[in-house]
Amino acid sequence: MNAIIVEDEFLAQQELSWLINQHSQIKIEASFDDGLDVLKYLQNHQVDVIFLDINIPSLDGVLLAQNISKFAHKPLIVFITAYKEHAVEAFELEAFDYILKPYHESRIVTMLRKLELTHQQNQQAQMPGTAQTRHTQMTINLEKDERIIVTDINDIYYAEAHEKMTFVYTRREEYVMSMNITEFCSRLPEEYFFRCHRSWCVNLSKIREIEPWFNNTYILKLRDLDFQVPVSRSKVKAFRQLMRL
């Protein structure tokens, strides 16, 4: 997975580059401090992800992202900026993530993990002869109002145990499954979901922030949802290894 950094503050560029190298397998191909230079570079080079500041010379980050969104090959864009007022525009452009400065290392690590998972999913989707396998692995049947809803596993944020039932949450919907959480989790691809607690299972790509909690555990804040998922003490070691903490 290759990337470029677009950041006109040298120290911020160096810090981000160091964190990417320390916590991921992403290869940084080049760094830029000017939007027009990025467009020229992308005419002859293909990248998987762009780490993009908004306040850059010549062509600001939002306008640059608008141009890139028209490309046949659309790299994932992660905005890293001090300007929170551009968040709505960023997500209208389907930005992968939007990180505010000054950022925390744990926030960057979470984002990098999500990037690598998403890239892996995209690579699998493009492999010839695996369409049926992917369909089986990447969708799950959820129950709602006596209907069966075929759902992409990427739409699931987390699942919560309620005695012998499991409540499953997407961004806008809640489903009730007539099975315990262990059985439900067994139907999910383990490379994308983590049983972080006996009562909770979380989609790793939906984690927005990892916050230390009491007894050396963690609380996970999720993208798009005002909800927190706990990591139990018995799961902390496995979670730290998984997230490279």
C-alpha atoms as a PDB file:
ATOM      1  CA  MET A   1       0.000   0.000   0.000  1.00  0.00           C
ATOM      2  CA  ASN A   2       1.577   3.282  -1.062  1.00  0.00           C
ATOM      3  CA  ALA A   3       0.825   6.846  -0.044  1.00  0.00           C
ATOM      4  CA  ILE A   4       1.751  10.511  -0.319  1.00  0.00           C
ATOM      5  CA  ILE A   5       1.653  13.219   2.338  1.00  0.00           C
ATOM      6  CA  VAL A   6       0.443  16.717   1.486  1.00  0.00           C
ATOM      7  CA  GLU A   7       1.414  19.048   4.340  1.00  0.00           C
ATOM      8  CA  ASP A   8       3.126  22.448   4.216  1.00  0.00           C
ATOM      9  CA  GLU A   9       4.331  22.396   7.844  1.00  0.00           C
ATOM     10  CA  PHE A  10       7.643  20.562   7.838  1.00  0.00           C
ATOM     11  CA  LEU A  11       7.529  19.334  11.447  1.00  0.00           C
ATOM     12  CA  ALA A  12       3.957  18.075  11.073  1.00  0.00           C
ATOM     13  CA  GLN A  13       4.963  16.309   7.859  1.00  0.00           C
ATOM     14  CA  GLN A  14       7.925  14.652   9.573  1.00  0.00           C
ATOM     15  CA  GLU A  15       5.883  13.557  12.599  1.00  0.00           C
ATOM     16  CA  LEU A  16       3.142  12.028  10.458  1.00  0.00           C
ATOM     17  CA  SER A  17       5.699  10.259   8.295  1.00  0.00           C
ATOM     18  CA  TRP A  18       7.361   8.782  11.397  1.00  0.00           C
ATOM     19  CA  LEU A  19       4.043   7.535  12.806  1.00  0.00           C
ATOM     20  CA  ILE A  20       3.076   5.914   9.497  1.00  0.00           C
ATOM     21  CA  ASN A  21       6.427   4.140   9.278  1.00  0.00           C
ATOM     22  CA  GLN A  22       6.260   3.026  12.920  1.00  0.00           C
ATOM     23  CA  HIS A  23       2.709   1.713  12.985  1.00  0.00           C
ATOM     24  CA  SER A  24       1.898   0.430   9.509  1.00  0.00           C
ATOM     25  CA  GLN A  25       3.195  -1.236   6.358  1.00  0.00           C
ATOM     26  CA  ILE A  26       2.204   1.786   4.271  1.00  0.00           C
ATOM     27  CA  LYS A  27       5.012   3.047   2.037  1.00  0.00           C
ATOM     28  CA  ILE A  28       5.327   6.814   1.676  1.00  0.00           C
ATOM     29  CA  GLU A  29       6.251   7.513  -1.935  1.00  0.00           C
ATOM     30  CA  ALA A  30       6.547  11.320  -1.725  1.00  0.00           C
ATOM     31  CA  SER A  31       5.656  14.395   0.328  1.00  0.00           C
ATOM     32  CA  PHE A  32       4.337  17.728  -0.955  1.00  0.00           C
ATOM     33  CA  ASP A  33       3.605  21.189   0.372  1.00  0.00           C
ATOM     34  CA  ASP A  34       1.687  22.502  -2.656  1.00  0.00           C
ATOM     35  CA  GLY A  35      -1.631  21.336  -4.126  1.00  0.00           C
ATOM     36  CA  LEU A  36      -0.762  21.868  -7.793  1.00  0.00           C
ATOM     37  CA  ASP A  37       2.405  19.802  -7.415  1.00  0.00           C
ATOM     38  CA  VAL A  38       0.225  16.932  -6.170  1.00  0.00           C
ATOM     39  CA  LEU A  39      -1.997  17.060  -9.263  1.00  0.00           C
ATOM     40  CA  LYS A  40       1.074  17.008 -11.504  1.00  0.00           C
ATOM     41  CA  TYR A  41       2.484  14.023  -9.614  1.00  0.00           C
ATOM     42  CA  LEU A  42      -0.782  12.072  -9.815  1.00  0.00           C
ATOM     43  CA  GLN A  43      -0.849  12.426 -13.604  1.00  0.00           C
ATOM     44  CA  ASN A  44       2.012   9.919 -13.783  1.00  0.00           C
ATOM     45  CA  HIS A  45       1.813   8.060 -10.477  1.00  0.00           C
ATOM     46  CA  GLN A  46      -0.892   5.978  -8.801  1.00  0.00           C
ATOM     47  CA  VAL A  47      -1.226   5.892  -5.023  1.00  0.00           C
ATOM     48  CA  ASP A  48      -3.560   4.105  -2.635  1.00  0.00           C
ATOM     49  CA  VAL A  49      -3.952   6.821  -0.008  1.00  0.00           C
ATOM     50  CA  ILE A  50      -3.346  10.555   0.384  1.00  0.00           C
ATOM     51  CA  PHE A  51      -2.800  12.178   3.786  1.00  0.00           C
ATOM     52  CA  LEU A  52      -4.046  15.665   3.063  1.00  0.00           C
ATOM     53  CA  ASP A  53      -3.875  18.969   4.904  1.00  0.00           C
ATOM     54  CA  ILE A  54      -6.459  21.599   3.925  1.00  0.00           C
ATOM     55  CA  ASN A  55      -4.522  24.837   4.318  1.00  0.00           C
ATOM     56  CA  ILE A  56      -1.887  24.374   1.581  1.00  0.00           C
ATOM     57  CA  PRO A  57      -0.634  26.753  -1.144  1.00  0.00           C
ATOM     58  CA  SER A  58      -1.875  27.020  -4.753  1.00  0.00           C
ATOM     59  CA  LEU A  59      -4.825  24.666  -4.393  1.00  0.00           C
ATOM     60  CA  ASP A  60      -6.356  24.004  -0.982  1.00  0.00           C
ATOM     61  CA  GLY A  61      -7.011  20.483   0.240  1.00  0.00           C
ATOM     62  CA  VAL A  62     -10.778  20.499  -0.359  1.00  0.00           C
ATOM     63  CA  LEU A  63     -10.409  21.652  -3.981  1.00  0.00           C
ATOM     64  CA  LEU A  64      -7.614  19.151  -4.480  1.00  0.00           C
ATOM     65  CA  ALA A  65      -9.837  16.348  -3.137  1.00  0.00           C
ATOM     66  CA  GLN A  66     -12.652  17.449  -5.459  1.00  0.00           C
ATOM     67  CA  ASN A  67     -10.304  17.073  -8.439  1.00  0.00           C
ATOM     68  CA  ILE A  68      -9.040  13.707  -7.237  1.00  0.00           C
ATOM     69  CA  SER A  69     -12.617  12.431  -6.780  1.00  0.00           C
ATOM     70  CA  LYS A  70     -13.013  12.580 -10.556  1.00  0.00           C
ATOM     71  CA  PHE A  71     -10.096  10.209 -11.191  1.00  0.00           C
ATOM     72  CA  ALA A  72     -10.766   6.728 -12.547  1.00  0.00           C
ATOM     73  CA  HIS A  73      -8.577   5.345  -9.750  1.00  0.00           C
ATOM     74  CA  LYS A  74      -9.640   7.158  -6.575  1.00  0.00           C
ATOM     75  CA  PRO A  75      -7.134   6.950  -3.733  1.00  0.00           C
ATOM     76  CA  LEU A  76      -8.428   6.998  -0.174  1.00  0.00           C
ATOM     77  CA  ILE A  77      -8.163  10.470   1.337  1.00  0.00           C
ATOM     78  CA  VAL A  78      -7.414  11.164   4.990  1.00  0.00           C
ATOM     79  CA  PHE A  79      -7.730  14.820   5.918  1.00  0.00           C
ATOM     80  CA  ILE A  80      -5.387  15.890   8.715  1.00  0.00           C
ATOM     81  CA  THR A  81      -6.105  19.510   9.517  1.00  0.00           C
ATOM     82  CA  ALA A  82      -6.670  22.151  12.184  1.00  0.00           C
ATOM     83  CA  TYR A  83      -9.929  23.247  10.537  1.00  0.00           C
ATOM     84  CA  LYS A  84     -12.937  21.361  11.880  1.00  0.00           C
ATOM     85  CA  GLU A  85     -15.392  23.471   9.830  1.00  0.00           C
ATOM     86  CA  HIS A  86     -14.488  21.557   6.654  1.00  0.00           C
ATOM     87  CA  ALA A  87     -15.569  18.161   8.021  1.00  0.00           C
ATOM     88  CA  VAL A  88     -18.948  18.157   6.259  1.00  0.00           C
ATOM     89  CA  GLU A  89     -17.343  18.940   2.897  1.00  0.00           C
ATOM     90  CA  ALA A  90     -14.763  16.237   3.482  1.00  0.00           C
ATOM     91  CA  PHE A  91     -17.302  13.504   4.081  1.00  0.00           C
ATOM     92  CA  GLU A  92     -19.438  14.665   1.163  1.00  0.00           C
ATOM     93  CA  LEU A  93     -16.320  13.876  -0.871  1.00  0.00           C
ATOM     94  CA  GLU A  94     -16.323  10.438   0.811  1.00  0.00           C
ATOM     95  CA  ALA A  95     -13.096  11.093   2.670  1.00  0.00           C
ATOM     96  CA  PHE A  96     -11.859   8.019   4.499  1.00  0.00           C
ATOM     97  CA  ASP A  97     -11.205   9.949   7.711  1.00  0.00           C
ATOM     98  CA  TYR A  98     -10.923  13.478   9.111  1.00  0.00           C
ATOM     99  CA  ILE A  99      -8.396  14.035  11.874  1.00  0.00           C
ATOM    100  CA  LEU A 100      -8.029  17.305  13.740  1.00  0.00           C
ATOM    101  CA  LYS A 101      -4.689  18.758  14.822  1.00  0.00           C
ATOM    102  CA  PRO A 102      -3.149  18.527  17.273  1.00  0.00           C
ATOM    103  CA  TYR A 103      -3.712  14.804  16.887  1.00  0.00           C
ATOM    104  CA  HIS A 104      -2.888  12.002  19.285  1.00  0.00           C
ATOM    105  CA  GLU A 105      -0.730   9.041  18.345  1.00  0.00           C
ATOM    106  CA  SER A 106      -3.485   6.580  19.314  1.00  0.00           C
ATOM    107  CA  ARG A 107      -5.868   8.320  16.912  1.00  0.00           C
ATOM    108  CA  ILE A 108      -3.356   7.984  14.055  1.00  0.00           C
ATOM    109  CA  VAL A 109      -2.696   4.330  14.892  1.00  0.00           C
ATOM    110  CA  THR A 110      -6.423   3.543  14.791  1.00  0.00           C
ATOM    111  CA  MET A 111      -6.786   5.280  11.446  1.00  0.00           C
ATOM    112  CA  LEU A 112      -3.802   3.407   9.978  1.00  0.00           C
ATOM    113  CA  ARG A 113      -5.253   0.087  11.109  1.00  0.00           C
ATOM    114  CA  LYS A 114      -8.567   0.923   9.424  1.00  0.00           C
ATOM    115  CA  LEU A 115      -6.741   1.934   6.251  1.00  0.00           C
ATOM    116  CA  GLU A 116      -4.895  -1.366   6.020  1.00  0.00           C
ATOM    117  CA  LEU A 117      -8.073  -3.369   6.677  1.00  0.00           C
ATOM    118  CA  THR A 118      -9.953  -1.454   3.989  1.00  0.00           C
ATOM    119  CA  HIS A 119      -7.129  -1.897   1.495  1.00  0.00           C
ATOM    120  CA  GLN A 120      -7.051  -5.629   2.222  1.00  0.00           C
ATOM    121  CA  GLN A 121     -10.799  -5.852   1.632  1.00  0.00           C
ATOM    122  CA  ASN A 122     -10.488  -3.977  -1.663  1.00  0.00           C
ATOM    123  CA  GLN A 123      -7.670  -6.257  -2.816  1.00  0.00           C
ATOM    124  CA  GLN A 124      -9.713  -9.352  -2.040  1.00  0.00           C
ATOM    125  CA  ALA A 125     -12.671  -7.936  -3.928  1.00  0.00           C
ATOM    126  CA  GLN A 126     -10.527  -7.519  -7.040  1.00  0.00           C
ATOM    127  CA  MET A 127      -9.101 -11.050  -7.016  1.00  0.00           C
ATOM    128  CA  PRO A 128     -10.365 -13.098  -9.998  1.00  0.00           C
ATOM    129  CA  GLY A 129     -12.423 -16.200  -9.322  1.00  0.00           C
ATOM    130  CA  THR A 130     -13.287 -15.219  -5.736  1.00  0.00           C
ATOM    131  CA  ALA A 131     -16.614 -13.462  -6.233  1.00  0.00           C
ATOM    132  CA  GLN A 132     -18.675 -16.213  -4.631  1.00  0.00           C
ATOM    133  CA  THR A 133     -16.256 -16.575  -1.727  1.00  0.00           C
ATOM    134  CA  ARG A 134     -16.315 -12.839  -1.134  1.00  0.00           C
ATOM    135  CA  HIS A 135     -20.096 -12.726  -1.224  1.00  0.00           C
ATOM    136  CA  THR A 136     -20.261 -15.441   1.397  1.00  0.00           C
ATOM    137  CA  GLN A 137     -17.684 -13.825   3.663  1.00  0.00           C
ATOM    138  CA  MET A 138     -18.595 -10.182   3.254  1.00  0.00           C
ATOM    139  CA  THR A 139     -22.368 -10.269   3.738  1.00  0.00           C
ATOM    140  CA  ILE A 140     -24.523 -11.494   6.581  1.00  0.00           C
ATOM    141  CA  ASN A 141     -28.264 -12.034   6.970  1.00  0.00           C
ATOM    142  CA  LEU A 142     -29.835  -9.809   9.629  1.00  0.00           C
ATOM    143  CA  GLU A 143     -33.402 -10.031  10.935  1.00  0.00           C
ATOM    144  CA  LYS A 144     -35.836  -7.110  11.121  1.00  0.00           C
ATOM    145  CA  ASP A 145     -39.644  -7.140  11.270  1.00  0.00           C
ATOM    146  CA  GLU A 146     -39.738 -10.791  10.173  1.00  0.00           C
ATOM    147  CA  ARG A 147     -37.658  -9.915   7.122  1.00  0.00           C
ATOM    148  CA  ILE A 148     -34.162 -11.079   6.219  1.00  0.00           C
ATOM    149  CA  ILE A 149     -31.882  -8.158   5.317  1.00  0.00           C
ATOM    150  CA  VAL A 150     -28.732  -9.150   3.411  1.00  0.00           C
ATOM    151  CA  THR A 151     -26.167  -6.747   4.858  1.00  0.00           C
ATOM    152  CA  ASP A 152     -22.569  -5.939   3.946  1.00  0.00           C
ATOM    153  CA  ILE A 153     -20.442  -6.656   7.002  1.00  0.00           C
ATOM    154  CA  ASN A 154     -18.785  -3.252   6.512  1.00  0.00           C
ATOM    155  CA  ASP A 155     -22.120  -1.673   7.484  1.00  0.00           C
ATOM    156  CA  ILE A 156     -22.046  -3.279  10.926  1.00  0.00           C
ATOM    157  CA  TYR A 157     -20.518  -1.130  13.665  1.00  0.00           C
ATOM    158  CA  TYR A 158     -20.926  -3.372  16.702  1.00  0.00           C
ATOM    159  CA  ALA A 159     -22.987  -6.120  18.268  1.00  0.00           C
ATOM    160  CA  GLU A 160     -24.191  -6.327  21.861  1.00  0.00           C
ATOM    161  CA  ALA A 161     -25.369  -9.339  23.868  1.00  0.00           C
ATOM    162  CA  HIS A 162     -28.810  -9.275  25.522  1.00  0.00           C
ATOM    163  CA  GLU A 163     -29.170 -12.622  27.314  1.00  0.00           C
ATOM    164  CA  LYS A 164     -29.863 -15.148  24.518  1.00  0.00           C
ATOM    165  CA  MET A 165     -30.342 -12.430  21.886  1.00  0.00           C
ATOM    166  CA  THR A 166     -27.846 -10.233  20.028  1.00  0.00           C
ATOM    167  CA  PHE A 167     -28.505  -6.636  19.069  1.00  0.00           C
ATOM    168  CA  VAL A 168     -26.647  -5.589  15.918  1.00  0.00           C
ATOM    169  CA  TYR A 169     -26.090  -1.939  15.057  1.00  0.00           C
ATOM    170  CA  THR A 170     -25.363  -0.253  11.739  1.00  0.00           C
ATOM    171  CA  ARG A 171     -25.144   3.504  11.309  1.00  0.00           C
ATOM    172  CA  ARG A 172     -28.916   3.956  11.137  1.00  0.00           C
ATOM    173  CA  GLU A 173     -30.528   0.613  12.009  1.00  0.00           C
ATOM    174  CA  GLU A 174     -30.831  -1.786  14.907  1.00  0.00           C
ATOM    175  CA  TYR A 175     -31.402  -5.512  14.366  1.00  0.00           C
ATOM    176  CA  VAL A 176     -32.303  -8.208  16.876  1.00  0.00           C
ATOM    177  CA  MET A 177     -30.865 -11.641  16.196  1.00  0.00           C
ATOM    178  CA  SER A 178     -32.354 -14.713  17.882  1.00  0.00           C
ATOM    179  CA  MET A 179     -28.977 -16.186  18.805  1.00  0.00           C
ATOM    180  CA  ASN A 180     -26.319 -15.522  21.431  1.00  0.00           C
ATOM    181  CA  ILE A 181     -23.390 -13.255  20.651  1.00  0.00           C
ATOM    182  CA  THR A 182     -20.909 -16.121  20.410  1.00  0.00           C
ATOM    183  CA  GLU A 183     -22.881 -17.720  17.605  1.00  0.00           C
ATOM    184  CA  PHE A 184     -23.365 -14.381  15.872  1.00  0.00           C
ATOM    185  CA  CYS A 185     -19.670 -13.480  16.057  1.00  0.00           C
ATOM    186  CA  SER A 186     -18.762 -16.852  14.562  1.00  0.00           C
ATOM    187  CA  ARG A 187     -20.530 -15.732  11.381  1.00  0.00           C
ATOM    188  CA  LEU A 188     -18.351 -12.616  11.065  1.00  0.00           C
ATOM    189  CA  PRO A 189     -14.882 -12.590   9.437  1.00  0.00           C
ATOM    190  CA  GLU A 190     -12.473 -12.473  12.354  1.00  0.00           C
ATOM    191  CA  GLU A 191      -9.944 -10.334  10.493  1.00  0.00           C
ATOM    192  CA  TYR A 192     -12.432  -7.429  10.584  1.00  0.00           C
ATOM    193  CA  PHE A 193     -14.267  -7.961  13.887  1.00  0.00           C
ATOM    194  CA  PHE A 194     -12.972  -8.316  17.426  1.00  0.00           C
ATOM    195  CA  ARG A 195     -14.787  -9.769  20.428  1.00  0.00           C
ATOM    196  CA  CYS A 196     -13.636  -7.039  22.798  1.00  0.00           C
ATOM    197  CA  HIS A 197     -15.847  -8.063  25.732  1.00  0.00           C
ATOM    198  CA  ARG A 198     -18.097 -10.987  26.567  1.00  0.00           C
ATOM    199  CA  SER A 199     -21.061  -8.729  25.714  1.00  0.00           C
ATOM    200  CA  TRP A 200     -19.641  -6.785  22.769  1.00  0.00           C
ATOM    201  CA  CYS A 201     -18.101  -7.361  19.367  1.00  0.00           C
ATOM    202  CA  VAL A 202     -16.768  -4.411  17.348  1.00  0.00           C
ATOM    203  CA  ASN A 203     -15.937  -3.703  13.706  1.00  0.00           C
ATOM    204  CA  LEU A 204     -12.271  -2.687  13.802  1.00  0.00           C
ATOM    205  CA  SER A 205     -12.628  -0.361  10.826  1.00  0.00           C
ATOM    206  CA  LYS A 206     -15.266   1.697  12.708  1.00  0.00           C
ATOM    207  CA  ILE A 207     -13.063   2.585  15.677  1.00  0.00           C
ATOM    208  CA  ARG A 208     -12.480   6.335  15.782  1.00  0.00           C
ATOM    209  CA  GLU A 209     -10.639   6.681  19.092  1.00  0.00           C
ATOM    210  CA  ILE A 210      -9.105   4.413  21.722  1.00  0.00           C
ATOM    211  CA  GLU A 211      -9.417   5.947  25.186  1.00  0.00           C
ATOM    212  CA  PRO A 212      -7.667   4.527  28.287  1.00  0.00           C
ATOM    213  CA  TRP A 213     -10.129   3.472  30.976  1.00  0.00           C
ATOM    214  CA  PHE A 214      -9.845   2.166  34.533  1.00  0.00           C
ATOM    215  CA  ASN A 215      -7.873  -1.009  35.388  1.00  0.00           C
ATOM    216  CA  ASN A 216      -5.714  -0.540  32.241  1.00  0.00           C
ATOM    217  CA  THR A 217      -8.638  -1.235  29.926  1.00  0.00           C
ATOM    218  CA  TYR A 218      -9.991   0.835  27.038  1.00  0.00           C
ATOM    219  CA  ILE A 219     -13.157   2.492  25.811  1.00  0.00           C
ATOM    220  CA  LEU A 220     -13.620   2.537  22.030  1.00  0.00           C
ATOM    221  CA  LYS A 221     -15.330   5.516  20.424  1.00  0.00           C
ATOM    222  CA  LEU A 222     -16.892   4.722  17.069  1.00  0.00           C
ATOM    223  CA  ARG A 223     -17.145   6.717  13.880  1.00  0.00           C
ATOM    224  CA  ASP A 224     -20.549   8.273  13.144  1.00  0.00           C
ATOM    225  CA  LEU A 225     -22.148   6.965  16.362  1.00  0.00           C
ATOM    226  CA  ASP A 226     -22.386   8.536  19.794  1.00  0.00           C
ATOM    227  CA  PHE A 227     -21.628   5.265  21.533  1.00  0.00           C
ATOM    228  CA  GLN A 228     -18.689   3.704  23.351  1.00  0.00           C
ATOM    229  CA  VAL A 229     -17.704   0.037  23.407  1.00  0.00           C
ATOM    230  CA  PRO A 230     -15.600  -1.332  26.287  1.00  0.00           C
ATOM    231  CA  VAL A 231     -12.579  -3.611  26.041  1.00  0.00           C
ATOM    232  CA  SER A 232     -12.526  -6.014  28.999  1.00  0.00           C
ATOM    233  CA  ARG A 233      -9.350  -6.756  30.944  1.00  0.00           C
ATOM    234  CA  SER A 234      -9.214 -10.287  29.558  1.00  0.00           C
ATOM    235  CA  LYS A 235      -9.186  -8.887  26.000  1.00  0.00           C
ATOM    236  CA  VAL A 236      -6.704  -6.031  26.476  1.00  0.00           C
ATOM    237  CA  LYS A 237      -3.569  -7.969  25.558  1.00  0.00           C
ATOM    238  CA  ALA A 238      -5.054  -9.358  22.343  1.00  0.00           C
ATOM    239  CA  PHE A 239      -6.479  -5.930  21.486  1.00  0.00           C
ATOM    240  CA  ARG A 240      -3.134  -4.182  22.002  1.00  0.00           C
ATOM    241  CA  GLN A 241      -1.399  -6.710  19.757  1.00  0.00           C
ATOM    242  CA  LEU A 242      -4.097  -6.371  17.117  1.00  0.00           C
ATOM    243  CA  MET A 243      -3.964  -2.572  17.109  1.00  0.00           C
ATOM    244  CA  ARG A 244      -0.185  -2.412  17.590  1.00  0.00           C
ATOM    245  CA  LEU A 245      -0.479  -0.389  20.791  1.00  0.00           C
END
